Amino acid sequence: KDRSVPTAAIEVRFDAPSRHGDLLHLDLTLM
């Protein structure tokens, strides 16, 4: 409504491919 929380920086490491039908669990940890 009056603010935002954009991403200022991101670094990603891709370890293995995901395929159609996979069930992923996304875990977020505040640092």
ModelCIF file with pLDDT and N, C-alpha, C, O atoms, coordinates in Angstrom:
data_MODEL
#
_entry.id   MODEL 
#
_entity.id                         1 
_entity.type                       polymer 
_entity.pdbx_number_of_molecules   1 
#
_entity_poly.entity_id                      1 
_entity_poly.type                           'polypeptide(L)' 
_entity_poly.nstd_linkage                   no 
_entity_poly.nstd_monomer                   no 
_entity_poly.pdbx_seq_one_letter_code       KDRSVPTAAIEVRFDAPSRHGDLLHLDLTLM 
_entity_poly.pdbx_seq_one_letter_code_can   KDRSVPTAAIEVRFDAPSRHGDLLHLDLTLM 
_entity_poly.pdbx_strand_id                 A 
#
loop_
_entity_poly_seq.entity_id 
_entity_poly_seq.num 
_entity_poly_seq.mon_id 
_entity_poly_seq.hetero 
1 1  LYS n 
1 2  ASP n 
1 3  ARG n 
1 4  SER n 
1 5  VAL n 
1 6  PRO n 
1 7  THR n 
1 8  ALA n 
1 9  ALA n 
1 10 ILE n 
1 11 GLU n 
1 12 VAL n 
1 13 ARG n 
1 14 PHE n 
1 15 ASP n 
1 16 ALA n 
1 17 PRO n 
1 18 SER n 
1 19 ARG n 
1 20 HIS n 
1 21 GLY n 
1 22 ASP n 
1 23 LEU n 
1 24 LEU n 
1 25 HIS n 
1 26 LEU n 
1 27 ASP n 
1 28 LEU n 
1 29 THR n 
1 30 LEU n 
1 31 MET n 
#
_struct_asym.id          A 
_struct_asym.entity_id   1 
#
loop_
_ma_qa_metric.id 
_ma_qa_metric.mode 
_ma_qa_metric.name 
_ma_qa_metric.software_group_id 
_ma_qa_metric.type 
1 global pLDDT . pLDDT 
2 local  pLDDT . pLDDT 
#
_ma_qa_metric_global.metric_id      1 
_ma_qa_metric_global.metric_value   97.58 
_ma_qa_metric_global.model_id       1 
_ma_qa_metric_global.ordinal_id     1 
#
loop_
_ma_qa_metric_local.label_asym_id 
_ma_qa_metric_local.label_comp_id 
_ma_qa_metric_local.label_seq_id 
_ma_qa_metric_local.metric_id 
_ma_qa_metric_local.metric_value 
_ma_qa_metric_local.model_id 
_ma_qa_metric_local.ordinal_id 
A LYS 1  2 96.00 1 1  
A ASP 2  2 95.00 1 2  
A ARG 3  2 97.00 1 3  
A SER 4  2 97.00 1 4  
A VAL 5  2 98.00 1 5  
A PRO 6  2 97.00 1 6  
A THR 7  2 98.00 1 7  
A ALA 8  2 98.00 1 8  
A ALA 9  2 98.00 1 9  
A ILE 10 2 98.00 1 10 
A GLU 11 2 98.00 1 11 
A VAL 12 2 98.00 1 12 
A ARG 13 2 98.00 1 13 
A PHE 14 2 97.00 1 14 
A ASP 15 2 98.00 1 15 
A ALA 16 2 98.00 1 16 
A PRO 17 2 97.00 1 17 
A SER 18 2 98.00 1 18 
A ARG 19 2 97.00 1 19 
A HIS 20 2 97.00 1 20 
A GLY 21 2 97.00 1 21 
A ASP 22 2 98.00 1 22 
A LEU 23 2 98.00 1 23 
A LEU 24 2 98.00 1 24 
A HIS 25 2 98.00 1 25 
A LEU 26 2 98.00 1 26 
A ASP 27 2 98.00 1 27 
A LEU 28 2 98.00 1 28 
A THR 29 2 98.00 1 29 
A LEU 30 2 98.00 1 30 
A MET 31 2 98.00 1 31 
#
loop_
_atom_site.group_PDB 
_atom_site.id 
_atom_site.type_symbol 
_atom_site.label_atom_id 
_atom_site.label_alt_id 
_atom_site.label_comp_id 
_atom_site.label_asym_id 
_atom_site.label_entity_id 
_atom_site.label_seq_id 
_atom_site.pdbx_PDB_ins_code 
_atom_site.Cartn_x 
_atom_site.Cartn_y 
_atom_site.Cartn_z 
_atom_site.occupancy 
_atom_site.B_iso_or_equiv 
_atom_site.pdbx_formal_charge 
_atom_site.auth_seq_id 
_atom_site.auth_comp_id 
_atom_site.auth_asym_id 
_atom_site.auth_atom_id 
_atom_site.pdbx_PDB_model_num 
ATOM 1   N N  . LYS A 1 1  ? 0.836  -1.204  0.000   1.00 96.00 ? 1  LYS A N  1 
ATOM 2   C CA . LYS A 1 1  ? 0.000  0.000   0.000   1.00 96.00 ? 1  LYS A CA 1 
ATOM 3   C C  . LYS A 1 1  ? 0.872  1.255   0.000   1.00 96.00 ? 1  LYS A C  1 
ATOM 4   O O  . LYS A 1 1  ? 0.537  2.250   -0.643  1.00 96.00 ? 1  LYS A O  1 
ATOM 5   N N  . ASP A 1 2  ? 1.998  1.203   0.729   1.00 95.00 ? 2  ASP A N  1 
ATOM 6   C CA . ASP A 1 2  ? 2.864  2.378   0.785   1.00 95.00 ? 2  ASP A CA 1 
ATOM 7   C C  . ASP A 1 2  ? 4.357  2.051   0.885   1.00 95.00 ? 2  ASP A C  1 
ATOM 8   O O  . ASP A 1 2  ? 5.185  2.955   1.008   1.00 95.00 ? 2  ASP A O  1 
ATOM 9   N N  . ARG A 1 3  ? 4.699  0.766   0.833   1.00 97.00 ? 3  ARG A N  1 
ATOM 10  C CA . ARG A 1 3  ? 6.100  0.350   0.933   1.00 97.00 ? 3  ARG A CA 1 
ATOM 11  C C  . ARG A 1 3  ? 6.344  -0.813  -0.017  1.00 97.00 ? 3  ARG A C  1 
ATOM 12  O O  . ARG A 1 3  ? 5.454  -1.252  -0.745  1.00 97.00 ? 3  ARG A O  1 
ATOM 13  N N  . SER A 1 4  ? 7.585  -1.298  0.017   1.00 97.00 ? 4  SER A N  1 
ATOM 14  C CA . SER A 1 4  ? 7.925  -2.519  -0.703  1.00 97.00 ? 4  SER A CA 1 
ATOM 15  C C  . SER A 1 4  ? 9.129  -3.151  -0.013  1.00 97.00 ? 4  SER A C  1 
ATOM 16  O O  . SER A 1 4  ? 9.785  -2.520  0.817   1.00 97.00 ? 4  SER A O  1 
ATOM 17  N N  . VAL A 1 5  ? 9.412  -4.404  -0.366  1.00 98.00 ? 5  VAL A N  1 
ATOM 18  C CA . VAL A 1 5  ? 10.562 -5.120  0.196   1.00 98.00 ? 5  VAL A CA 1 
ATOM 19  C C  . VAL A 1 5  ? 11.316 -5.808  -0.949  1.00 98.00 ? 5  VAL A C  1 
ATOM 20  O O  . VAL A 1 5  ? 11.322 -7.036  -1.043  1.00 98.00 ? 5  VAL A O  1 
ATOM 21  N N  . PRO A 1 6  ? 11.944 -5.019  -1.809  1.00 97.00 ? 6  PRO A N  1 
ATOM 22  C CA . PRO A 1 6  ? 12.658 -5.607  -2.941  1.00 97.00 ? 6  PRO A CA 1 
ATOM 23  C C  . PRO A 1 6  ? 13.923 -6.343  -2.509  1.00 97.00 ? 6  PRO A C  1 
ATOM 24  O O  . PRO A 1 6  ? 14.472 -6.118  -1.430  1.00 97.00 ? 6  PRO A O  1 
ATOM 25  N N  . THR A 1 7  ? 14.353 -7.222  -3.391  1.00 98.00 ? 7  THR A N  1 
ATOM 26  C CA . THR A 1 7  ? 15.623 -7.920  -3.204  1.00 98.00 ? 7  THR A CA 1 
ATOM 27  C C  . THR A 1 7  ? 16.743 -7.011  -3.685  1.00 98.00 ? 7  THR A C  1 
ATOM 28  O O  . THR A 1 7  ? 16.729 -6.548  -4.826  1.00 98.00 ? 7  THR A O  1 
ATOM 29  N N  . ALA A 1 8  ? 17.715 -6.756  -2.811  1.00 98.00 ? 8  ALA A N  1 
ATOM 30  C CA . ALA A 1 8  ? 18.859 -5.914  -3.161  1.00 98.00 ? 8  ALA A CA 1 
ATOM 31  C C  . ALA A 1 8  ? 20.036 -6.756  -3.645  1.00 98.00 ? 8  ALA A C  1 
ATOM 32  O O  . ALA A 1 8  ? 20.867 -6.286  -4.423  1.00 98.00 ? 8  ALA A O  1 
ATOM 33  N N  . ALA A 1 9  ? 20.101 -8.003  -3.181  1.00 98.00 ? 9  ALA A N  1 
ATOM 34  C CA . ALA A 1 9  ? 21.186 -8.900  -3.588  1.00 98.00 ? 9  ALA A CA 1 
ATOM 35  C C  . ALA A 1 9  ? 20.706 -10.327 -3.440  1.00 98.00 ? 9  ALA A C  1 
ATOM 36  O O  . ALA A 1 9  ? 19.934 -10.649 -2.538  1.00 98.00 ? 9  ALA A O  1 
ATOM 37  N N  . ILE A 1 10 ? 21.175 -11.183 -4.342  1.00 98.00 ? 10 ILE A N  1 
ATOM 38  C CA . ILE A 1 10 ? 20.850 -12.609 -4.244  1.00 98.00 ? 10 ILE A CA 1 
ATOM 39  C C  . ILE A 1 10 ? 21.981 -13.407 -4.877  1.00 98.00 ? 10 ILE A C  1 
ATOM 40  O O  . ILE A 1 10 ? 22.523 -13.041 -5.920  1.00 98.00 ? 10 ILE A O  1 
ATOM 41  N N  . GLU A 1 11 ? 22.317 -14.498 -4.221  1.00 98.00 ? 11 GLU A N  1 
ATOM 42  C CA . GLU A 1 11 ? 23.321 -15.425 -4.746  1.00 98.00 ? 11 GLU A CA 1 
ATOM 43  C C  . GLU A 1 11 ? 22.730 -16.828 -4.634  1.00 98.00 ? 11 GLU A C  1 
ATOM 44  O O  . GLU A 1 11 ? 22.260 -17.232 -3.570  1.00 98.00 ? 11 GLU A O  1 
ATOM 45  N N  . VAL A 1 12 ? 22.758 -17.560 -5.739  1.00 98.00 ? 12 VAL A N  1 
ATOM 46  C CA . VAL A 1 12 ? 22.130 -18.875 -5.775  1.00 98.00 ? 12 VAL A CA 1 
ATOM 47  C C  . VAL A 1 12 ? 23.124 -19.920 -6.264  1.00 98.00 ? 12 VAL A C  1 
ATOM 48  O O  . VAL A 1 12 ? 23.922 -19.672 -7.168  1.00 98.00 ? 12 VAL A O  1 
ATOM 49  N N  . ARG A 1 13 ? 23.054 -21.087 -5.645  1.00 98.00 ? 13 ARG A N  1 
ATOM 50  C CA . ARG A 1 13 ? 23.812 -22.248 -6.101  1.00 98.00 ? 13 ARG A CA 1 
ATOM 51  C C  . ARG A 1 13 ? 22.795 -23.320 -6.470  1.00 98.00 ? 13 ARG A C  1 
ATOM 52  O O  . ARG A 1 13 ? 21.973 -23.724 -5.647  1.00 98.00 ? 13 ARG A O  1 
ATOM 53  N N  . PHE A 1 14 ? 22.863 -23.771 -7.710  1.00 97.00 ? 14 PHE A N  1 
ATOM 54  C CA . PHE A 1 14 ? 21.968 -24.820 -8.185  1.00 97.00 ? 14 PHE A CA 1 
ATOM 55  C C  . PHE A 1 14 ? 22.690 -26.154 -8.055  1.00 97.00 ? 14 PHE A C  1 
ATOM 56  O O  . PHE A 1 14 ? 23.732 -26.364 -8.676  1.00 97.00 ? 14 PHE A O  1 
ATOM 57  N N  . ASP A 1 15 ? 22.137 -27.053 -7.249  1.00 98.00 ? 15 ASP A N  1 
ATOM 58  C CA . ASP A 1 15 ? 22.809 -28.313 -6.948  1.00 98.00 ? 15 ASP A CA 1 
ATOM 59  C C  . ASP A 1 15 ? 22.337 -29.484 -7.795  1.00 98.00 ? 15 ASP A C  1 
ATOM 60  O O  . ASP A 1 15 ? 23.127 -30.369 -8.127  1.00 98.00 ? 15 ASP A O  1 
ATOM 61  N N  . ALA A 1 16 ? 21.065 -29.495 -8.144  1.00 98.00 ? 16 ALA A N  1 
ATOM 62  C CA . ALA A 1 16 ? 20.515 -30.609 -8.933  1.00 98.00 ? 16 ALA A CA 1 
ATOM 63  C C  . ALA A 1 16 ? 19.246 -30.108 -9.624  1.00 98.00 ? 16 ALA A C  1 
ATOM 64  O O  . ALA A 1 16 ? 18.576 -29.211 -9.113  1.00 98.00 ? 16 ALA A O  1 
ATOM 65  N N  . PRO A 1 17 ? 18.915 -30.678 -10.776 1.00 97.00 ? 17 PRO A N  1 
ATOM 66  C CA . PRO A 1 17 ? 17.706 -30.231 -11.477 1.00 97.00 ? 17 PRO A CA 1 
ATOM 67  C C  . PRO A 1 17 ? 16.434 -30.735 -10.796 1.00 97.00 ? 17 PRO A C  1 
ATOM 68  O O  . PRO A 1 17 ? 16.416 -31.775 -10.139 1.00 97.00 ? 17 PRO A O  1 
ATOM 69  N N  . SER A 1 18 ? 15.379 -29.954 -10.984 1.00 98.00 ? 18 SER A N  1 
ATOM 70  C CA . SER A 1 18 ? 14.043 -30.371 -10.540 1.00 98.00 ? 18 SER A CA 1 
ATOM 71  C C  . SER A 1 18 ? 13.222 -30.633 -11.787 1.00 98.00 ? 18 SER A C  1 
ATOM 72  O O  . SER A 1 18 ? 13.396 -29.971 -12.810 1.00 98.00 ? 18 SER A O  1 
ATOM 73  N N  . ARG A 1 19 ? 12.330 -31.601 -11.693 1.00 97.00 ? 19 ARG A N  1 
ATOM 74  C CA . ARG A 1 19 ? 11.544 -32.018 -12.863 1.00 97.00 ? 19 ARG A CA 1 
ATOM 75  C C  . ARG A 1 19 ? 10.054 -31.879 -12.603 1.00 97.00 ? 19 ARG A C  1 
ATOM 76  O O  . ARG A 1 19 ? 9.591  -31.838 -11.462 1.00 97.00 ? 19 ARG A O  1 
ATOM 77  N N  . HIS A 1 20 ? 9.334  -31.811 -13.691 1.00 97.00 ? 20 HIS A N  1 
ATOM 78  C CA . HIS A 1 20 ? 7.882  -31.710 -13.644 1.00 97.00 ? 20 HIS A CA 1 
ATOM 79  C C  . HIS A 1 20 ? 7.340  -32.808 -12.735 1.00 97.00 ? 20 HIS A C  1 
ATOM 80  O O  . HIS A 1 20 ? 7.647  -33.986 -12.919 1.00 97.00 ? 20 HIS A O  1 
ATOM 81  N N  . GLY A 1 21 ? 6.533  -32.416 -11.755 1.00 97.00 ? 21 GLY A N  1 
ATOM 82  C CA . GLY A 1 21 ? 5.933  -33.372 -10.825 1.00 97.00 ? 21 GLY A CA 1 
ATOM 83  C C  . GLY A 1 21 ? 6.652  -33.497 -9.490  1.00 97.00 ? 21 GLY A C  1 
ATOM 84  O O  . GLY A 1 21 ? 6.076  -34.026 -8.539  1.00 97.00 ? 21 GLY A O  1 
ATOM 85  N N  . ASP A 1 22 ? 7.896  -33.025 -9.388  1.00 98.00 ? 22 ASP A N  1 
ATOM 86  C CA . ASP A 1 22 ? 8.615  -33.094 -8.110  1.00 98.00 ? 22 ASP A CA 1 
ATOM 87  C C  . ASP A 1 22 ? 7.903  -32.255 -7.059  1.00 98.00 ? 22 ASP A C  1 
ATOM 88  O O  . ASP A 1 22 ? 7.306  -31.225 -7.372  1.00 98.00 ? 22 ASP A O  1 
ATOM 89  N N  . LEU A 1 23 ? 7.973  -32.705 -5.809  1.00 98.00 ? 23 LEU A N  1 
ATOM 90  C CA . LEU A 1 23 ? 7.481  -31.907 -4.695  1.00 98.00 ? 23 LEU A CA 1 
ATOM 91  C C  . LEU A 1 23 ? 8.689  -31.353 -3.953  1.00 98.00 ? 23 LEU A C  1 
ATOM 92  O O  . LEU A 1 23 ? 9.448  -32.089 -3.324  1.00 98.00 ? 23 LEU A O  1 
ATOM 93  N N  . LEU A 1 24 ? 8.845  -30.050 -4.041  1.00 98.00 ? 24 LEU A N  1 
ATOM 94  C CA . LEU A 1 24 ? 9.945  -29.363 -3.365  1.00 98.00 ? 24 LEU A CA 1 
ATOM 95  C C  . LEU A 1 24 ? 9.458  -28.831 -2.027  1.00 98.00 ? 24 LEU A C  1 
ATOM 96  O O  . LEU A 1 24 ? 8.279  -28.521 -1.856  1.00 98.00 ? 24 LEU A O  1 
ATOM 97  N N  . HIS A 1 25 ? 10.377 -28.733 -1.088  1.00 98.00 ? 25 HIS A N  1 
ATOM 98  C CA . HIS A 1 25 ? 10.128 -28.029 0.161   1.00 98.00 ? 25 HIS A CA 1 
ATOM 99  C C  . HIS A 1 25 ? 11.099 -26.861 0.190   1.00 98.00 ? 25 HIS A C  1 
ATOM 100 O O  . HIS A 1 25 ? 12.316 -27.046 0.203   1.00 98.00 ? 25 HIS A O  1 
ATOM 101 N N  . LEU A 1 26 ? 10.539 -25.646 0.200   1.00 98.00 ? 26 LEU A N  1 
ATOM 102 C CA . LEU A 1 26 ? 11.342 -24.442 0.286   1.00 98.00 ? 26 LEU A CA 1 
ATOM 103 C C  . LEU A 1 26 ? 11.431 -24.032 1.746   1.00 98.00 ? 26 LEU A C  1 
ATOM 104 O O  . LEU A 1 26 ? 10.420 -23.726 2.379   1.00 98.00 ? 26 LEU A O  1 
ATOM 105 N N  . ASP A 1 27 ? 12.636 -24.028 2.269   1.00 98.00 ? 27 ASP A N  1 
ATOM 106 C CA . ASP A 1 27 ? 12.881 -23.658 3.658   1.00 98.00 ? 27 ASP A CA 1 
ATOM 107 C C  . ASP A 1 27 ? 13.548 -22.288 3.694   1.00 98.00 ? 27 ASP A C  1 
ATOM 108 O O  . ASP A 1 27 ? 14.558 -22.067 3.027   1.00 98.00 ? 27 ASP A O  1 
ATOM 109 N N  . LEU A 1 28 ? 12.980 -21.366 4.478   1.00 98.00 ? 28 LEU A N  1 
ATOM 110 C CA . LEU A 1 28 ? 13.533 -20.031 4.640   1.00 98.00 ? 28 LEU A CA 1 
ATOM 111 C C  . LEU A 1 28 ? 14.053 -19.877 6.055   1.00 98.00 ? 28 LEU A C  1 
ATOM 112 O O  . LEU A 1 28 ? 13.395 -20.261 7.021   1.00 98.00 ? 28 LEU A O  1 
ATOM 113 N N  . THR A 1 29 ? 15.250 -19.307 6.163   1.00 98.00 ? 29 THR A N  1 
ATOM 114 C CA . THR A 1 29 ? 15.855 -19.045 7.457   1.00 98.00 ? 29 THR A CA 1 
ATOM 115 C C  . THR A 1 29 ? 16.276 -17.588 7.510   1.00 98.00 ? 29 THR A C  1 
ATOM 116 O O  . THR A 1 29 ? 17.061 -17.137 6.676   1.00 98.00 ? 29 THR A O  1 
ATOM 117 N N  . LEU A 1 30 ? 15.767 -16.856 8.473   1.00 98.00 ? 30 LEU A N  1 
ATOM 118 C CA . LEU A 1 30 ? 16.181 -15.475 8.687   1.00 98.00 ? 30 LEU A CA 1 
ATOM 119 C C  . LEU A 1 30 ? 17.577 -15.508 9.292   1.00 98.00 ? 30 LEU A C  1 
ATOM 120 O O  . LEU A 1 30 ? 17.838 -16.283 10.212  1.00 98.00 ? 30 LEU A O  1 
ATOM 121 N N  . MET A 1 31 ? 18.472 -14.673 8.782   1.00 98.00 ? 31 MET A N  1 
ATOM 122 C CA . MET A 1 31 ? 19.860 -14.680 9.241   1.00 98.00 ? 31 MET A CA 1 
ATOM 123 C C  . MET A 1 31 ? 20.213 -13.459 10.089  1.00 98.00 ? 31 MET A C  1 
ATOM 124 O O  . MET A 1 31 ? 21.350 -13.332 10.544  1.00 98.00 ? 31 MET A O  1 
#
